[in-house]
Amino acid sequence: MIDYKKYISIDPNIRFGKPCLTGTRISVYDILSWLASGMTTNQILEDYPELTEIQVQASLSYAADREHKLKVA
């Protein structure tokens, strides 16, 4: 799994503190929702050429890690 900490940052002044790709205002949620809606990584990269494939993968790694740590009470 990619070390997403190199690519994801949380800043309370950017997108209300949502996890975003470092140096952008594109949130992990944005990436996940585009993928969930059927977009491919290549389509995302075509629409947002400032992104890289590794940033998209880092978003998936972040979501997987967060899900893994989720505890049900």
PDB file of N, CA and C in Angstrom:
ATOM      1  N   MET A   1       0.854  -1.174   0.000  1.00  0.00           N
ATOM      2  CA  MET A   1       0.000   0.000   0.000  1.00  0.00           C
ATOM      3  C   MET A   1       0.901   1.238   0.000  1.00  0.00           C
ATOM      4  N   ILE A   2       0.489   2.238  -0.727  1.00  0.00           N
ATOM      5  CA  ILE A   2       1.247   3.488  -0.843  1.00  0.00           C
ATOM      6  C   ILE A   2       1.233   4.238   0.490  1.00  0.00           C
ATOM      7  N   ASP A   3       2.352   4.870   0.829  1.00  0.00           N
ATOM      8  CA  ASP A   3       2.412   5.714   2.023  1.00  0.00           C
ATOM      9  C   ASP A   3       1.700   7.030   1.700  1.00  0.00           C
ATOM     10  N   TYR A   4       0.405   7.040   1.950  1.00  0.00           N
ATOM     11  CA  TYR A   4      -0.427   8.184   1.562  1.00  0.00           C
ATOM     12  C   TYR A   4      -0.067   9.464   2.301  1.00  0.00           C
ATOM     13  N   LYS A   5       0.629   9.363   3.404  1.00  0.00           N
ATOM     14  CA  LYS A   5       0.960  10.565   4.194  1.00  0.00           C
ATOM     15  C   LYS A   5       1.831  11.542   3.416  1.00  0.00           C
ATOM     16  N   LYS A   6       2.501  11.051   2.388  1.00  0.00           N
ATOM     17  CA  LYS A   6       3.312  11.921   1.530  1.00  0.00           C
ATOM     18  C   LYS A   6       2.453  12.738   0.570  1.00  0.00           C
ATOM     19  N   TYR A   7       1.210  12.303   0.366  1.00  0.00           N
ATOM     20  CA  TYR A   7       0.363  12.898  -0.675  1.00  0.00           C
ATOM     21  C   TYR A   7      -0.938  13.512  -0.164  1.00  0.00           C
ATOM     22  N   ILE A   8      -1.318  13.193   1.076  1.00  0.00           N
ATOM     23  CA  ILE A   8      -2.577  13.668   1.647  1.00  0.00           C
ATOM     24  C   ILE A   8      -2.263  14.570   2.829  1.00  0.00           C
ATOM     25  N   SER A   9      -2.914  15.713   2.885  1.00  0.00           N
ATOM     26  CA  SER A   9      -2.728  16.615   4.021  1.00  0.00           C
ATOM     27  C   SER A   9      -4.080  17.138   4.490  1.00  0.00           C
ATOM     28  N   ILE A  10      -4.099  17.527   5.737  1.00  0.00           N
ATOM     29  CA  ILE A  10      -5.315  18.099   6.331  1.00  0.00           C
ATOM     30  C   ILE A  10      -4.961  19.480   6.865  1.00  0.00           C
ATOM     31  N   ASP A  11      -5.618  20.477   6.332  1.00  0.00           N
ATOM     32  CA  ASP A  11      -5.405  21.873   6.729  1.00  0.00           C
ATOM     33  C   ASP A  11      -6.774  22.473   7.001  1.00  0.00           C
ATOM     34  N   PRO A  12      -7.012  22.956   8.217  1.00  0.00           N
ATOM     35  CA  PRO A  12      -8.334  23.503   8.536  1.00  0.00           C
ATOM     36  C   PRO A  12      -8.741  24.684   7.650  1.00  0.00           C
ATOM     37  N   ASN A  13      -7.776  25.292   6.961  1.00  0.00           N
ATOM     38  CA  ASN A  13      -8.075  26.424   6.084  1.00  0.00           C
ATOM     39  C   ASN A  13      -8.381  26.012   4.645  1.00  0.00           C
ATOM     40  N   ILE A  14      -8.251  24.726   4.344  1.00  0.00           N
ATOM     41  CA  ILE A  14      -8.520  24.231   2.986  1.00  0.00           C
ATOM     42  C   ILE A  14      -9.636  23.206   3.060  1.00  0.00           C
ATOM     43  N   ARG A  15     -10.727  23.499   2.355  1.00  0.00           N
ATOM     44  CA  ARG A  15     -11.889  22.604   2.278  1.00  0.00           C
ATOM     45  C   ARG A  15     -12.389  22.187   3.665  1.00  0.00           C
ATOM     46  N   PHE A  16     -12.357  23.125   4.599  1.00  0.00           N
ATOM     47  CA  PHE A  16     -12.880  22.915   5.949  1.00  0.00           C
ATOM     48  C   PHE A  16     -12.192  21.761   6.670  1.00  0.00           C
ATOM     49  N   GLY A  17     -10.921  21.529   6.365  1.00  0.00           N
ATOM     50  CA  GLY A  17     -10.152  20.503   7.055  1.00  0.00           C
ATOM     51  C   GLY A  17     -10.343  19.095   6.525  1.00  0.00           C
ATOM     52  N   LYS A  18     -10.984  18.950   5.367  1.00  0.00           N
ATOM     53  CA  LYS A  18     -11.116  17.622   4.772  1.00  0.00           C
ATOM     54  C   LYS A  18      -9.746  17.188   4.248  1.00  0.00           C
ATOM     55  N   PRO A  19      -9.463  15.888   4.270  1.00  0.00           N
ATOM     56  CA  PRO A  19      -8.200  15.420   3.709  1.00  0.00           C
ATOM     57  C   PRO A  19      -8.145  15.725   2.208  1.00  0.00           C
ATOM     58  N   CYS A  20      -7.081  16.391   1.793  1.00  0.00           N
ATOM     59  CA  CYS A  20      -6.916  16.792   0.390  1.00  0.00           C
ATOM     60  C   CYS A  20      -5.562  16.351  -0.120  1.00  0.00           C
ATOM     61  N   LEU A  21      -5.454  16.254  -1.428  1.00  0.00           N
ATOM     62  CA  LEU A  21      -4.166  15.998  -2.036  1.00  0.00           C
ATOM     63  C   LEU A  21      -3.289  17.231  -1.804  1.00  0.00           C
ATOM     64  N   THR A  22      -2.137  17.019  -1.259  1.00  0.00           N
ATOM     65  CA  THR A  22      -1.245  18.103  -0.882  1.00  0.00           C
ATOM     66  C   THR A  22      -0.990  19.036  -2.058  1.00  0.00           C
ATOM     67  N   GLY A  23      -1.136  20.326  -1.794  1.00  0.00           N
ATOM     68  CA  GLY A  23      -0.906  21.337  -2.817  1.00  0.00           C
ATOM     69  C   GLY A  23      -2.099  21.598  -3.713  1.00  0.00           C
ATOM     70  N   THR A  24      -3.230  20.932  -3.424  1.00  0.00           N
ATOM     71  CA  THR A  24      -4.439  21.135  -4.220  1.00  0.00           C
ATOM     72  C   THR A  24      -5.622  21.379  -3.285  1.00  0.00           C
ATOM     73  N   ARG A  25      -6.753  21.674  -3.886  1.00  0.00           N
ATOM     74  CA  ARG A  25      -8.000  21.751  -3.136  1.00  0.00           C
ATOM     75  C   ARG A  25      -8.895  20.550  -3.480  1.00  0.00           C
ATOM     76  N   ILE A  26      -8.294  19.533  -4.041  1.00  0.00           N
ATOM     77  CA  ILE A  26      -9.026  18.319  -4.407  1.00  0.00           C
ATOM     78  C   ILE A  26      -8.977  17.362  -3.223  1.00  0.00           C
ATOM     79  N   SER A  27     -10.156  17.017  -2.723  1.00  0.00           N
ATOM     80  CA  SER A  27     -10.221  16.172  -1.532  1.00  0.00           C
ATOM     81  C   SER A  27     -10.190  14.692  -1.890  1.00  0.00           C
ATOM     82  N   VAL A  28      -9.867  13.896  -0.891  1.00  0.00           N
ATOM     83  CA  VAL A  28      -9.928  12.446  -1.041  1.00  0.00           C
ATOM     84  C   VAL A  28     -11.358  12.057  -1.416  1.00  0.00           C
ATOM     85  N   TYR A  29     -12.326  12.711  -0.803  1.00  0.00           N
ATOM     86  CA  TYR A  29     -13.729  12.437  -1.133  1.00  0.00           C
ATOM     87  C   TYR A  29     -14.008  12.668  -2.617  1.00  0.00           C
ATOM     88  N   ASP A  30     -13.462  13.741  -3.177  1.00  0.00           N
ATOM     89  CA  ASP A  30     -13.654  14.011  -4.611  1.00  0.00           C
ATOM     90  C   ASP A  30     -13.164  12.827  -5.443  1.00  0.00           C
ATOM     91  N   ILE A  31     -11.940  12.375  -5.156  1.00  0.00           N
ATOM     92  CA  ILE A  31     -11.366  11.255  -5.906  1.00  0.00           C
ATOM     93  C   ILE A  31     -12.234  10.013  -5.757  1.00  0.00           C
ATOM     94  N   LEU A  32     -12.608   9.694  -4.526  1.00  0.00           N
ATOM     95  CA  LEU A  32     -13.411   8.496  -4.288  1.00  0.00           C
ATOM     96  C   LEU A  32     -14.767   8.578  -4.974  1.00  0.00           C
ATOM     97  N   SER A  33     -15.381   9.740  -4.947  1.00  0.00           N
ATOM     98  CA  SER A  33     -16.696   9.869  -5.571  1.00  0.00           C
ATOM     99  C   SER A  33     -16.593   9.765  -7.097  1.00  0.00           C
ATOM    100  N   TRP A  34     -15.521  10.291  -7.680  1.00  0.00           N
ATOM    101  CA  TRP A  34     -15.348  10.155  -9.121  1.00  0.00           C
ATOM    102  C   TRP A  34     -15.158   8.691  -9.503  1.00  0.00           C
ATOM    103  N   LEU A  35     -14.341   7.989  -8.736  1.00  0.00           N
ATOM    104  CA  LEU A  35     -14.136   6.565  -9.006  1.00  0.00           C
ATOM    105  C   LEU A  35     -15.432   5.781  -8.812  1.00  0.00           C
ATOM    106  N   ALA A  36     -16.170   6.102  -7.753  1.00  0.00           N
ATOM    107  CA  ALA A  36     -17.434   5.401  -7.474  1.00  0.00           C
ATOM    108  C   ALA A  36     -18.473   5.662  -8.555  1.00  0.00           C
ATOM    109  N   SER A  37     -18.385   6.810  -9.203  1.00  0.00           N
ATOM    110  CA  SER A  37     -19.353   7.134 -10.255  1.00  0.00           C
ATOM    111  C   SER A  37     -18.985   6.479 -11.589  1.00  0.00           C
ATOM    112  N   GLY A  38     -17.840   5.791 -11.611  1.00  0.00           N
ATOM    113  CA  GLY A  38     -17.460   5.074 -12.816  1.00  0.00           C
ATOM    114  C   GLY A  38     -16.297   5.659 -13.591  1.00  0.00           C
ATOM    115  N   MET A  39     -15.784   6.789 -13.154  1.00  0.00           N
ATOM    116  CA  MET A  39     -14.626   7.353 -13.845  1.00  0.00           C
ATOM    117  C   MET A  39     -13.412   6.460 -13.625  1.00  0.00           C
ATOM    118  N   THR A  40     -12.577   6.370 -14.637  1.00  0.00           N
ATOM    119  CA  THR A  40     -11.324   5.646 -14.483  1.00  0.00           C
ATOM    120  C   THR A  40     -10.250   6.622 -14.012  1.00  0.00           C
ATOM    121  N   THR A  41      -9.155   6.054 -13.552  1.00  0.00           N
ATOM    122  CA  THR A  41      -8.029   6.901 -13.161  1.00  0.00           C
ATOM    123  C   THR A  41      -7.585   7.760 -14.342  1.00  0.00           C
ATOM    124  N   ASN A  42      -7.524   7.170 -15.520  1.00  0.00           N
ATOM    125  CA  ASN A  42      -7.103   7.940 -16.708  1.00  0.00           C
ATOM    126  C   ASN A  42      -8.057   9.089 -17.002  1.00  0.00           C
ATOM    127  N   GLN A  43      -9.358   8.884 -16.834  1.00  0.00           N
ATOM    128  CA  GLN A  43     -10.324   9.964 -17.054  1.00  0.00           C
ATOM    129  C   GLN A  43     -10.133  11.083 -16.038  1.00  0.00           C
ATOM    130  N   ILE A  44      -9.872  10.720 -14.791  1.00  0.00           N
ATOM    131  CA  ILE A  44      -9.622  11.742 -13.766  1.00  0.00           C
ATOM    132  C   ILE A  44      -8.378  12.545 -14.133  1.00  0.00           C
ATOM    133  N   LEU A  45      -7.334  11.852 -14.549  1.00  0.00           N
ATOM    134  CA  LEU A  45      -6.085  12.528 -14.912  1.00  0.00           C
ATOM    135  C   LEU A  45      -6.248  13.405 -16.151  1.00  0.00           C
ATOM    136  N   GLU A  46      -7.119  13.003 -17.064  1.00  0.00           N
ATOM    137  CA  GLU A  46      -7.394  13.847 -18.233  1.00  0.00           C
ATOM    138  C   GLU A  46      -8.130  15.119 -17.818  1.00  0.00           C
ATOM    139  N   ASP A  47      -9.085  14.990 -16.894  1.00  0.00           N
ATOM    140  CA  ASP A  47      -9.850  16.157 -16.434  1.00  0.00           C
ATOM    141  C   ASP A  47      -9.038  17.055 -15.500  1.00  0.00           C
ATOM    142  N   TYR A  48      -8.108  16.468 -14.765  1.00  0.00           N
ATOM    143  CA  TYR A  48      -7.293  17.209 -13.790  1.00  0.00           C
ATOM    144  C   TYR A  48      -5.817  16.883 -14.038  1.00  0.00           C
ATOM    145  N   PRO A  49      -5.237  17.470 -15.069  1.00  0.00           N
ATOM    146  CA  PRO A  49      -3.858  17.128 -15.443  1.00  0.00           C
ATOM    147  C   PRO A  49      -2.813  17.477 -14.381  1.00  0.00           C
ATOM    148  N   GLU A  50      -3.201  18.267 -13.385  1.00  0.00           N
ATOM    149  CA  GLU A  50      -2.259  18.594 -12.319  1.00  0.00           C
ATOM    150  C   GLU A  50      -2.077  17.423 -11.353  1.00  0.00           C
ATOM    151  N   LEU A  51      -2.951  16.412 -11.454  1.00  0.00           N
ATOM    152  CA  LEU A  51      -2.858  15.236 -10.595  1.00  0.00           C
ATOM    153  C   LEU A  51      -1.978  14.171 -11.230  1.00  0.00           C
ATOM    154  N   THR A  52      -1.526  13.256 -10.383  1.00  0.00           N
ATOM    155  CA  THR A  52      -0.758  12.107 -10.858  1.00  0.00           C
ATOM    156  C   THR A  52      -1.471  10.826 -10.448  1.00  0.00           C
ATOM    157  N   GLU A  53      -1.111   9.759 -11.116  1.00  0.00           N
ATOM    158  CA  GLU A  53      -1.718   8.462 -10.791  1.00  0.00           C
ATOM    159  C   GLU A  53      -1.430   8.071  -9.346  1.00  0.00           C
ATOM    160  N   ILE A  54      -0.249   8.383  -8.865  1.00  0.00           N
ATOM    161  CA  ILE A  54       0.093   8.012  -7.491  1.00  0.00           C
ATOM    162  C   ILE A  54      -0.774   8.773  -6.478  1.00  0.00           C
ATOM    163  N   GLN A  55      -1.191   9.990  -6.807  1.00  0.00           N
ATOM    164  CA  GLN A  55      -2.091  10.727  -5.914  1.00  0.00           C
ATOM    165  C   GLN A  55      -3.456  10.059  -5.839  1.00  0.00           C
ATOM    166  N   VAL A  56      -3.937   9.551  -6.956  1.00  0.00           N
ATOM    167  CA  VAL A  56      -5.216   8.830  -6.959  1.00  0.00           C
ATOM    168  C   VAL A  56      -5.077   7.564  -6.120  1.00  0.00           C
ATOM    169  N   GLN A  57      -3.969   6.842  -6.289  1.00  0.00           N
ATOM    170  CA  GLN A  57      -3.723   5.641  -5.502  1.00  0.00           C
ATOM    171  C   GLN A  57      -3.579   5.968  -4.019  1.00  0.00           C
ATOM    172  N   ALA A  58      -2.955   7.098  -3.711  1.00  0.00           N
ATOM    173  CA  ALA A  58      -2.811   7.517  -2.315  1.00  0.00           C
ATOM    174  C   ALA A  58      -4.180   7.775  -1.683  1.00  0.00           C
ATOM    175  N   SER A  59      -5.102   8.323  -2.459  1.00  0.00           N
ATOM    176  CA  SER A  59      -6.464   8.550  -1.951  1.00  0.00           C
ATOM    177  C   SER A  59      -7.130   7.230  -1.595  1.00  0.00           C
ATOM    178  N   LEU A  60      -6.943   6.228  -2.446  1.00  0.00           N
ATOM    179  CA  LEU A  60      -7.492   4.899  -2.164  1.00  0.00           C
ATOM    180  C   LEU A  60      -6.828   4.283  -0.931  1.00  0.00           C
ATOM    181  N   SER A  61      -5.534   4.452  -0.798  1.00  0.00           N
ATOM    182  CA  SER A  61      -4.821   3.926   0.364  1.00  0.00           C
ATOM    183  C   SER A  61      -5.294   4.601   1.644  1.00  0.00           C
ATOM    184  N   TYR A  62      -5.501   5.915   1.573  1.00  0.00           N
ATOM    185  CA  TYR A  62      -6.004   6.648   2.735  1.00  0.00           C
ATOM    186  C   TYR A  62      -7.368   6.104   3.150  1.00  0.00           C
ATOM    187  N   ALA A  63      -8.260   5.924   2.187  1.00  0.00           N
ATOM    188  CA  ALA A  63      -9.611   5.432   2.482  1.00  0.00           C
ATOM    189  C   ALA A  63      -9.558   4.013   3.042  1.00  0.00           C
ATOM    190  N   ALA A  64      -8.699   3.167   2.487  1.00  0.00           N
ATOM    191  CA  ALA A  64      -8.577   1.795   2.974  1.00  0.00           C
ATOM    192  C   ALA A  64      -8.049   1.778   4.409  1.00  0.00           C
ATOM    193  N   ASP A  65      -7.058   2.605   4.686  1.00  0.00           N
ATOM    194  CA  ASP A  65      -6.490   2.666   6.032  1.00  0.00           C
ATOM    195  C   ASP A  65      -7.520   3.180   7.022  1.00  0.00           C
ATOM    196  N   ARG A  66      -8.264   4.173   6.642  1.00  0.00           N
ATOM    197  CA  ARG A  66      -9.287   4.729   7.527  1.00  0.00           C
ATOM    198  C   ARG A  66     -10.385   3.691   7.807  1.00  0.00           C
ATOM    199  N   GLU A  67     -10.783   2.970   6.780  1.00  0.00           N
ATOM    200  CA  GLU A  67     -11.784   1.924   6.942  1.00  0.00           C
ATOM    201  C   GLU A  67     -11.274   0.815   7.847  1.00  0.00           C
ATOM    202  N   HIS A  68     -10.000   0.479   7.691  1.00  0.00           N
ATOM    203  CA  HIS A  68      -9.395  -0.576   8.510  1.00  0.00           C
ATOM    204  C   HIS A  68      -9.395  -0.206   9.993  1.00  0.00           C
ATOM    205  N   LYS A  69      -9.224   1.083  10.277  1.00  0.00           N
ATOM    206  CA  LYS A  69      -9.155   1.558  11.666  1.00  0.00           C
ATOM    207  C   LYS A  69     -10.526   1.825  12.277  1.00  0.00           C
ATOM    208  N   LEU A  70     -11.572   1.791  11.471  1.00  0.00           N
ATOM    209  CA  LEU A  70     -12.917   2.066  11.947  1.00  0.00           C
ATOM    210  C   LEU A  70     -13.356   0.999  12.940  1.00  0.00           C
ATOM    211  N   LYS A  71     -13.889   1.423  14.071  1.00  0.00           N
ATOM    212  CA  LYS A  71     -14.359   0.487  15.082  1.00  0.00           C
ATOM    213  C   LYS A  71     -15.851   0.680  15.269  1.00  0.00           C
ATOM    214  N   VAL A  72     -16.547  -0.422  15.351  1.00  0.00           N
ATOM    215  CA  VAL A  72     -17.992  -0.397  15.570  1.00  0.00           C
ATOM    216  C   VAL A  72     -18.233  -0.587  17.053  1.00  0.00           C
ATOM    217  N   ALA A  73     -19.042   0.280  17.616  1.00  0.00           N
ATOM    218  CA  ALA A  73     -19.304   0.199  19.063  1.00  0.00           C
ATOM    219  C   ALA A  73     -20.376  -0.818  19.373  1.00  0.00           C
TER     220      ALA A  73
END
